[in-house]
N, C-alpha and C. Protein backbone atom coordinates (compact mmCIF):
# COMPACT_ATOMS: atom_id res chain seq x y z
N MET A 1 0.86 -1.16 0.00
CA MET A 1 0.00 0.00 0.00
C MET A 1 0.90 1.22 0.00
N THR A 2 0.48 2.26 -0.63
CA THR A 2 1.33 3.43 -0.80
C THR A 2 1.20 4.39 0.37
N GLY A 3 0.54 5.52 0.22
CA GLY A 3 0.51 6.54 1.25
C GLY A 3 -0.83 6.70 1.91
N PRO A 4 -0.96 7.68 2.80
CA PRO A 4 -2.22 7.89 3.50
C PRO A 4 -3.27 8.49 2.58
N LEU A 5 -4.51 8.37 3.02
CA LEU A 5 -5.60 9.00 2.28
C LEU A 5 -5.43 10.51 2.38
N THR A 6 -5.78 11.21 1.32
CA THR A 6 -5.56 12.64 1.32
C THR A 6 -6.79 13.43 1.73
N SER A 7 -7.96 12.85 1.60
CA SER A 7 -9.17 13.59 1.92
C SER A 7 -10.03 12.81 2.89
N ALA A 8 -10.57 13.49 3.88
CA ALA A 8 -11.43 12.84 4.85
C ALA A 8 -12.87 12.80 4.37
N ARG A 9 -13.17 13.43 3.25
CA ARG A 9 -14.54 13.47 2.75
C ARG A 9 -14.92 12.11 2.18
N CYS A 10 -15.99 11.55 2.67
CA CYS A 10 -16.46 10.24 2.25
C CYS A 10 -17.22 10.36 0.94
N THR A 11 -16.81 9.60 -0.07
CA THR A 11 -17.55 9.58 -1.32
C THR A 11 -18.33 8.29 -1.49
N LEU A 12 -17.95 7.24 -0.78
CA LEU A 12 -18.66 5.97 -0.82
C LEU A 12 -18.75 5.48 0.62
N PRO A 13 -19.95 5.39 1.18
CA PRO A 13 -20.07 5.09 2.60
C PRO A 13 -19.58 3.70 3.02
N LEU A 14 -19.73 2.71 2.15
CA LEU A 14 -19.41 1.36 2.57
C LEU A 14 -18.69 0.62 1.44
N VAL A 15 -17.56 0.01 1.78
CA VAL A 15 -16.85 -0.87 0.86
C VAL A 15 -16.71 -2.21 1.56
N GLU A 16 -17.18 -3.27 0.91
CA GLU A 16 -17.06 -4.62 1.46
C GLU A 16 -16.04 -5.40 0.65
N VAL A 17 -15.14 -6.08 1.35
CA VAL A 17 -14.09 -6.86 0.70
C VAL A 17 -14.20 -8.28 1.21
N SER A 18 -14.34 -9.23 0.32
CA SER A 18 -14.36 -10.64 0.68
C SER A 18 -12.98 -11.21 0.41
N VAL A 19 -12.34 -11.75 1.43
CA VAL A 19 -10.96 -12.23 1.32
C VAL A 19 -10.96 -13.75 1.42
N THR A 20 -10.35 -14.40 0.41
CA THR A 20 -10.21 -15.86 0.47
C THR A 20 -8.79 -16.27 0.82
N GLU A 21 -7.83 -15.42 0.55
CA GLU A 21 -6.44 -15.66 0.94
C GLU A 21 -5.83 -14.33 1.39
N LEU A 22 -5.10 -14.37 2.47
CA LEU A 22 -4.44 -13.16 2.94
C LEU A 22 -3.15 -13.57 3.63
N ASP A 23 -2.10 -13.69 2.81
CA ASP A 23 -0.79 -14.05 3.33
C ASP A 23 0.27 -13.38 2.48
N LEU A 24 1.52 -13.66 2.76
CA LEU A 24 2.63 -13.01 2.07
C LEU A 24 2.56 -13.19 0.55
N ALA A 25 2.12 -14.36 0.10
CA ALA A 25 2.07 -14.64 -1.34
C ALA A 25 1.11 -13.72 -2.09
N CYS A 26 0.01 -13.35 -1.48
CA CYS A 26 -0.96 -12.51 -2.19
C CYS A 26 -0.95 -11.07 -1.68
N LEU A 27 0.03 -10.72 -0.87
CA LEU A 27 0.09 -9.37 -0.30
C LEU A 27 0.18 -8.26 -1.35
N PRO A 28 1.00 -8.39 -2.40
CA PRO A 28 1.04 -7.31 -3.39
C PRO A 28 -0.32 -7.09 -4.06
N GLU A 29 -0.99 -8.19 -4.41
CA GLU A 29 -2.31 -8.09 -5.03
C GLU A 29 -3.32 -7.45 -4.07
N ALA A 30 -3.34 -7.91 -2.83
CA ALA A 30 -4.27 -7.36 -1.86
C ALA A 30 -3.98 -5.89 -1.59
N GLY A 31 -2.70 -5.53 -1.47
CA GLY A 31 -2.33 -4.13 -1.26
C GLY A 31 -2.80 -3.24 -2.39
N THR A 32 -2.68 -3.73 -3.63
CA THR A 32 -3.13 -2.96 -4.79
C THR A 32 -4.64 -2.77 -4.76
N VAL A 33 -5.37 -3.83 -4.42
CA VAL A 33 -6.83 -3.73 -4.33
C VAL A 33 -7.23 -2.74 -3.24
N PHE A 34 -6.59 -2.83 -2.08
CA PHE A 34 -6.91 -1.90 -0.99
C PHE A 34 -6.58 -0.46 -1.38
N ASP A 35 -5.47 -0.24 -2.08
CA ASP A 35 -5.14 1.11 -2.55
C ASP A 35 -6.25 1.66 -3.44
N ARG A 36 -6.72 0.84 -4.37
CA ARG A 36 -7.78 1.28 -5.28
C ARG A 36 -9.08 1.55 -4.53
N LEU A 37 -9.38 0.73 -3.52
CA LEU A 37 -10.59 0.95 -2.74
C LEU A 37 -10.49 2.21 -1.89
N LEU A 38 -9.31 2.46 -1.34
CA LEU A 38 -9.14 3.65 -0.52
C LEU A 38 -9.26 4.92 -1.35
N ALA A 39 -8.98 4.82 -2.64
CA ALA A 39 -9.15 5.98 -3.52
C ALA A 39 -10.63 6.39 -3.62
N LEU A 40 -11.54 5.46 -3.29
CA LEU A 40 -12.97 5.78 -3.27
C LEU A 40 -13.37 6.60 -2.04
N ARG A 41 -12.43 6.78 -1.11
CA ARG A 41 -12.64 7.51 0.13
C ARG A 41 -13.86 6.97 0.89
N PRO A 42 -13.81 5.69 1.27
CA PRO A 42 -14.97 5.09 1.95
C PRO A 42 -15.10 5.57 3.39
N GLY A 43 -16.31 5.54 3.89
CA GLY A 43 -16.56 5.84 5.29
C GLY A 43 -16.33 4.62 6.15
N GLN A 44 -16.53 3.43 5.56
CA GLN A 44 -16.33 2.19 6.29
C GLN A 44 -15.87 1.11 5.30
N VAL A 45 -14.88 0.32 5.72
CA VAL A 45 -14.44 -0.84 4.95
C VAL A 45 -14.70 -2.07 5.81
N VAL A 46 -15.44 -3.02 5.27
CA VAL A 46 -15.70 -4.28 5.95
C VAL A 46 -14.94 -5.37 5.20
N VAL A 47 -14.02 -6.04 5.90
CA VAL A 47 -13.26 -7.14 5.32
C VAL A 47 -13.90 -8.43 5.81
N ASP A 48 -14.56 -9.14 4.89
CA ASP A 48 -15.23 -10.39 5.22
C ASP A 48 -14.21 -11.53 5.16
N LEU A 49 -13.95 -12.14 6.31
CA LEU A 49 -12.95 -13.20 6.41
C LEU A 49 -13.59 -14.59 6.45
N SER A 50 -14.88 -14.71 6.17
CA SER A 50 -15.56 -16.00 6.31
C SER A 50 -14.99 -17.07 5.39
N ALA A 51 -14.47 -16.72 4.23
CA ALA A 51 -13.90 -17.69 3.30
C ALA A 51 -12.38 -17.79 3.40
N CYS A 52 -11.78 -17.04 4.30
CA CYS A 52 -10.32 -17.00 4.44
C CYS A 52 -9.88 -18.13 5.38
N ARG A 53 -8.93 -18.92 4.91
CA ARG A 53 -8.47 -20.07 5.69
C ARG A 53 -7.26 -19.74 6.57
N HIS A 54 -6.49 -18.72 6.17
CA HIS A 54 -5.23 -18.46 6.87
C HIS A 54 -4.82 -17.01 6.70
N ILE A 55 -4.27 -16.43 7.75
CA ILE A 55 -3.59 -15.14 7.65
C ILE A 55 -2.24 -15.30 8.34
N ASP A 56 -1.27 -14.51 7.91
CA ASP A 56 0.05 -14.58 8.52
C ASP A 56 0.46 -13.20 9.02
N ALA A 57 1.70 -13.08 9.48
CA ALA A 57 2.19 -11.82 10.04
C ALA A 57 2.13 -10.69 9.02
N ALA A 58 2.41 -11.00 7.76
CA ALA A 58 2.34 -9.97 6.71
C ALA A 58 0.91 -9.45 6.56
N ALA A 59 -0.06 -10.35 6.65
CA ALA A 59 -1.46 -9.95 6.55
C ALA A 59 -1.87 -9.08 7.74
N VAL A 60 -1.38 -9.43 8.93
CA VAL A 60 -1.67 -8.62 10.11
C VAL A 60 -1.13 -7.21 9.91
N GLY A 61 0.10 -7.11 9.37
CA GLY A 61 0.68 -5.79 9.08
C GLY A 61 -0.14 -5.02 8.06
N LEU A 62 -0.64 -5.70 7.03
CA LEU A 62 -1.47 -5.06 6.03
C LEU A 62 -2.77 -4.54 6.64
N LEU A 63 -3.40 -5.34 7.49
CA LEU A 63 -4.64 -4.90 8.15
C LEU A 63 -4.39 -3.70 9.06
N LEU A 64 -3.28 -3.71 9.78
CA LEU A 64 -2.96 -2.57 10.64
C LEU A 64 -2.69 -1.31 9.82
N ASP A 65 -2.01 -1.46 8.69
CA ASP A 65 -1.76 -0.32 7.81
C ASP A 65 -3.07 0.21 7.25
N LEU A 66 -3.95 -0.69 6.84
CA LEU A 66 -5.26 -0.28 6.33
C LEU A 66 -6.05 0.46 7.42
N HIS A 67 -6.03 -0.07 8.62
CA HIS A 67 -6.70 0.59 9.76
C HIS A 67 -6.14 1.99 10.00
N ARG A 68 -4.82 2.11 9.98
CA ARG A 68 -4.17 3.40 10.22
C ARG A 68 -4.57 4.42 9.14
N ARG A 69 -4.55 4.00 7.89
CA ARG A 69 -4.90 4.91 6.80
C ARG A 69 -6.37 5.32 6.85
N LEU A 70 -7.23 4.40 7.19
CA LEU A 70 -8.65 4.74 7.31
C LEU A 70 -8.89 5.67 8.50
N SER A 71 -8.22 5.41 9.61
CA SER A 71 -8.38 6.26 10.80
C SER A 71 -7.99 7.69 10.52
N ARG A 72 -6.94 7.88 9.75
CA ARG A 72 -6.51 9.24 9.38
C ARG A 72 -7.57 9.97 8.58
N ALA A 73 -8.40 9.21 7.88
CA ALA A 73 -9.46 9.80 7.07
C ALA A 73 -10.81 9.75 7.78
N ASP A 74 -10.80 9.51 9.10
CA ASP A 74 -12.03 9.40 9.89
C ASP A 74 -12.96 8.32 9.35
N ALA A 75 -12.39 7.21 8.90
CA ALA A 75 -13.16 6.08 8.41
C ALA A 75 -12.88 4.88 9.32
N VAL A 76 -13.65 3.81 9.13
CA VAL A 76 -13.61 2.67 10.04
C VAL A 76 -13.32 1.39 9.27
N LEU A 77 -12.48 0.53 9.87
CA LEU A 77 -12.23 -0.81 9.34
C LEU A 77 -12.90 -1.81 10.27
N THR A 78 -13.66 -2.73 9.68
CA THR A 78 -14.31 -3.79 10.43
C THR A 78 -13.96 -5.12 9.80
N LEU A 79 -13.58 -6.09 10.63
CA LEU A 79 -13.35 -7.46 10.17
C LEU A 79 -14.59 -8.27 10.48
N ALA A 80 -15.09 -9.00 9.48
CA ALA A 80 -16.34 -9.74 9.66
C ALA A 80 -16.13 -11.24 9.49
N ASN A 81 -16.77 -11.98 10.35
CA ASN A 81 -16.91 -13.43 10.24
C ASN A 81 -15.61 -14.23 10.14
N PRO A 82 -14.62 -13.95 10.98
CA PRO A 82 -13.42 -14.80 10.93
C PRO A 82 -13.75 -16.19 11.48
N ASN A 83 -13.14 -17.22 10.89
CA ASN A 83 -13.36 -18.56 11.43
C ASN A 83 -12.63 -18.65 12.77
N PRO A 84 -12.88 -19.69 13.58
CA PRO A 84 -12.26 -19.77 14.91
C PRO A 84 -10.74 -19.70 14.89
N ARG A 85 -10.10 -20.29 13.90
CA ARG A 85 -8.64 -20.26 13.82
C ARG A 85 -8.14 -18.84 13.60
N ILE A 86 -8.76 -18.14 12.68
CA ILE A 86 -8.34 -16.76 12.40
C ILE A 86 -8.68 -15.86 13.57
N ARG A 87 -9.84 -16.08 14.21
CA ARG A 87 -10.19 -15.29 15.39
C ARG A 87 -9.13 -15.46 16.47
N ARG A 88 -8.61 -16.67 16.62
CA ARG A 88 -7.56 -16.93 17.61
C ARG A 88 -6.28 -16.17 17.26
N ILE A 89 -5.92 -16.15 15.96
CA ILE A 89 -4.74 -15.39 15.53
C ILE A 89 -4.94 -13.91 15.83
N LEU A 90 -6.15 -13.40 15.59
CA LEU A 90 -6.44 -11.99 15.87
C LEU A 90 -6.34 -11.70 17.36
N GLN A 91 -6.72 -12.66 18.20
CA GLN A 91 -6.60 -12.48 19.64
C GLN A 91 -5.15 -12.53 20.09
N ILE A 92 -4.39 -13.48 19.56
CA ILE A 92 -2.98 -13.62 19.94
C ILE A 92 -2.19 -12.36 19.57
N THR A 93 -2.50 -11.78 18.42
CA THR A 93 -1.79 -10.58 17.97
C THR A 93 -2.39 -9.30 18.54
N HIS A 94 -3.45 -9.43 19.35
CA HIS A 94 -4.16 -8.31 19.96
C HIS A 94 -4.82 -7.39 18.93
N LEU A 95 -5.00 -7.89 17.72
CA LEU A 95 -5.71 -7.11 16.71
C LEU A 95 -7.18 -6.94 17.10
N ASP A 96 -7.70 -7.88 17.88
CA ASP A 96 -9.08 -7.77 18.33
C ASP A 96 -9.28 -6.60 19.30
N ARG A 97 -8.18 -6.07 19.85
CA ARG A 97 -8.27 -4.90 20.73
C ARG A 97 -8.20 -3.58 19.95
N VAL A 98 -7.73 -3.66 18.71
CA VAL A 98 -7.55 -2.47 17.88
C VAL A 98 -8.67 -2.32 16.87
N LEU A 99 -9.09 -3.44 16.29
CA LEU A 99 -10.08 -3.42 15.22
C LEU A 99 -11.43 -3.92 15.71
N SER A 100 -12.46 -3.47 15.04
CA SER A 100 -13.80 -3.98 15.29
C SER A 100 -13.95 -5.31 14.56
N ILE A 101 -14.35 -6.35 15.30
CA ILE A 101 -14.56 -7.67 14.71
C ILE A 101 -16.00 -8.07 14.99
N VAL A 102 -16.73 -8.38 13.93
CA VAL A 102 -18.14 -8.75 14.08
C VAL A 102 -18.37 -10.13 13.48
N THR A 103 -19.36 -10.81 14.03
CA THR A 103 -19.76 -12.12 13.54
C THR A 103 -21.25 -12.08 13.28
N ASP A 104 -21.64 -12.42 12.07
CA ASP A 104 -23.06 -12.52 11.73
C ASP A 104 -23.54 -13.89 12.18
N ARG A 105 -24.36 -13.90 13.18
CA ARG A 105 -24.92 -15.17 13.65
C ARG A 105 -26.40 -15.18 13.30
N PRO A 106 -26.93 -16.36 13.01
CA PRO A 106 -28.36 -16.41 12.72
C PRO A 106 -29.16 -15.90 13.91
N GLN A 107 -30.10 -15.04 13.62
CA GLN A 107 -30.95 -14.49 14.67
C GLN A 107 -32.01 -15.51 15.05
N PRO A 108 -32.37 -15.61 16.34
CA PRO A 108 -33.45 -16.52 16.72
C PRO A 108 -34.76 -16.04 16.09
N ARG A 109 -35.60 -16.99 15.77
CA ARG A 109 -36.88 -16.63 15.17
C ARG A 109 -37.71 -15.86 16.19
N PRO A 110 -38.32 -14.75 15.77
CA PRO A 110 -39.14 -13.98 16.71
C PRO A 110 -40.41 -14.75 17.05
N SER A 111 -40.89 -14.54 18.28
CA SER A 111 -42.14 -15.16 18.68
C SER A 111 -43.29 -14.41 18.01
N ALA A 112 -44.45 -14.99 18.06
CA ALA A 112 -45.62 -14.38 17.42
C ALA A 112 -45.86 -12.99 18.00
N GLY A 113 -46.07 -12.04 17.12
CA GLY A 113 -46.35 -10.68 17.54
C GLY A 113 -45.11 -9.82 17.73
N THR A 114 -43.92 -10.42 17.66
CA THR A 114 -42.68 -9.67 17.80
C THR A 114 -42.11 -9.42 16.41
N PRO A 115 -41.85 -8.16 16.08
CA PRO A 115 -41.31 -7.89 14.74
C PRO A 115 -39.90 -8.44 14.60
N ALA A 116 -39.58 -8.92 13.41
CA ALA A 116 -38.25 -9.46 13.13
C ALA A 116 -37.24 -8.32 13.10
N PRO A 117 -36.03 -8.54 13.62
CA PRO A 117 -35.01 -7.48 13.57
C PRO A 117 -34.57 -7.24 12.13
N THR A 118 -34.28 -6.00 11.85
CA THR A 118 -33.78 -5.67 10.51
C THR A 118 -32.27 -5.58 10.56
N PRO A 119 -31.59 -6.04 9.50
CA PRO A 119 -30.14 -5.98 9.51
C PRO A 119 -29.64 -4.54 9.56
N ALA A 120 -28.57 -4.32 10.32
CA ALA A 120 -28.02 -2.97 10.46
C ALA A 120 -27.27 -2.58 9.20
N ARG A 121 -27.49 -1.41 8.72
CA ARG A 121 -26.77 -0.83 7.58
C ARG A 121 -26.39 0.59 7.98
N PRO A 122 -25.32 1.09 7.45
CA PRO A 122 -24.93 2.45 7.78
C PRO A 122 -26.03 3.43 7.38
N ARG A 123 -26.28 4.40 8.25
CA ARG A 123 -27.28 5.42 7.97
C ARG A 123 -26.83 6.27 6.79
N GLY A 124 -27.77 6.57 5.92
CA GLY A 124 -27.47 7.44 4.79
C GLY A 124 -26.63 6.77 3.72
N ALA A 125 -26.55 5.43 3.76
CA ALA A 125 -25.75 4.74 2.75
C ALA A 125 -26.42 4.87 1.39
N TYR A 126 -25.68 5.34 0.43
CA TYR A 126 -26.22 5.48 -0.91
C TYR A 126 -25.33 4.83 -1.94
N GLY A 127 -24.28 4.21 -1.52
CA GLY A 127 -23.40 3.54 -2.47
C GLY A 127 -22.71 2.38 -1.80
N ARG A 128 -22.23 1.47 -2.62
CA ARG A 128 -21.60 0.29 -2.07
C ARG A 128 -20.62 -0.25 -3.09
N ALA A 129 -19.51 -0.75 -2.61
CA ALA A 129 -18.55 -1.41 -3.49
C ALA A 129 -18.21 -2.75 -2.86
N SER A 130 -17.96 -3.74 -3.68
CA SER A 130 -17.54 -5.03 -3.14
C SER A 130 -16.37 -5.55 -3.96
N VAL A 131 -15.48 -6.26 -3.29
CA VAL A 131 -14.27 -6.77 -3.92
C VAL A 131 -13.99 -8.15 -3.36
N THR A 132 -13.48 -9.04 -4.19
CA THR A 132 -13.04 -10.34 -3.73
C THR A 132 -11.53 -10.40 -3.94
N VAL A 133 -10.80 -10.76 -2.89
CA VAL A 133 -9.35 -10.89 -2.95
C VAL A 133 -9.00 -12.33 -2.65
N GLY A 134 -8.19 -12.92 -3.48
CA GLY A 134 -7.72 -14.27 -3.21
C GLY A 134 -7.65 -15.09 -4.47
N ASP A 135 -7.16 -16.33 -4.32
CA ASP A 135 -7.00 -17.25 -5.44
C ASP A 135 -6.24 -16.59 -6.59
N ARG A 136 -5.30 -15.71 -6.26
CA ARG A 136 -4.42 -15.04 -7.21
C ARG A 136 -5.17 -14.18 -8.23
N ARG A 137 -6.36 -13.75 -7.89
CA ARG A 137 -7.09 -12.84 -8.78
C ARG A 137 -7.93 -11.92 -7.91
N ALA A 138 -8.29 -10.79 -8.46
CA ALA A 138 -9.14 -9.85 -7.74
C ALA A 138 -10.21 -9.36 -8.69
N SER A 139 -11.39 -9.19 -8.17
CA SER A 139 -12.46 -8.63 -8.98
C SER A 139 -13.11 -7.51 -8.18
N GLU A 140 -13.57 -6.50 -8.87
CA GLU A 140 -14.17 -5.36 -8.21
C GLU A 140 -15.50 -5.04 -8.86
N SER A 141 -16.41 -4.52 -8.07
CA SER A 141 -17.65 -3.97 -8.62
C SER A 141 -18.05 -2.80 -7.75
N VAL A 142 -18.53 -1.77 -8.38
CA VAL A 142 -18.97 -0.58 -7.66
C VAL A 142 -20.38 -0.28 -8.10
N ASP A 143 -21.26 -0.10 -7.14
CA ASP A 143 -22.65 0.22 -7.42
C ASP A 143 -22.98 1.48 -6.65
N ARG A 144 -23.27 2.54 -7.36
CA ARG A 144 -23.61 3.82 -6.70
C ARG A 144 -25.05 4.17 -7.00
N ASP A 145 -25.74 4.56 -5.98
CA ASP A 145 -27.11 5.00 -6.10
C ASP A 145 -27.21 6.31 -5.34
N GLU A 146 -26.89 7.40 -6.00
CA GLU A 146 -26.86 8.71 -5.37
C GLU A 146 -28.22 9.05 -4.80
N PRO A 147 -28.27 9.75 -3.65
CA PRO A 147 -29.56 10.10 -3.04
C PRO A 147 -30.32 11.08 -3.89
């Protein structure tokens, strides 16, 4: 990844990244994808780790750098759905104390007469980007729906 974000103004409220591999071998590719995503000046980046089998020290450094660059731009990095092994690595490295880590768990079915909970989405979200990183390839899609 190159330098810090230059503008704190959010142009895309949410960027979601699905990671299937995050280690030294794919670090240049992942860094390039993150650089391109940061150019969108997101308000929040969610890195979905549900399909990721392994992360190493280089990946931890990349996540910390991404967190630092987003923080400078008043944006947030969230790690979503790490498997138990990756969650343990995040705990050992104390990344769980620095970054927000969320797990989507199935909600219990509401009883009769109780409204079902609605999934949380950022307020005022009008655009979204998603990226898949891993398997030695990256794909991007950006969908903007201006208010």
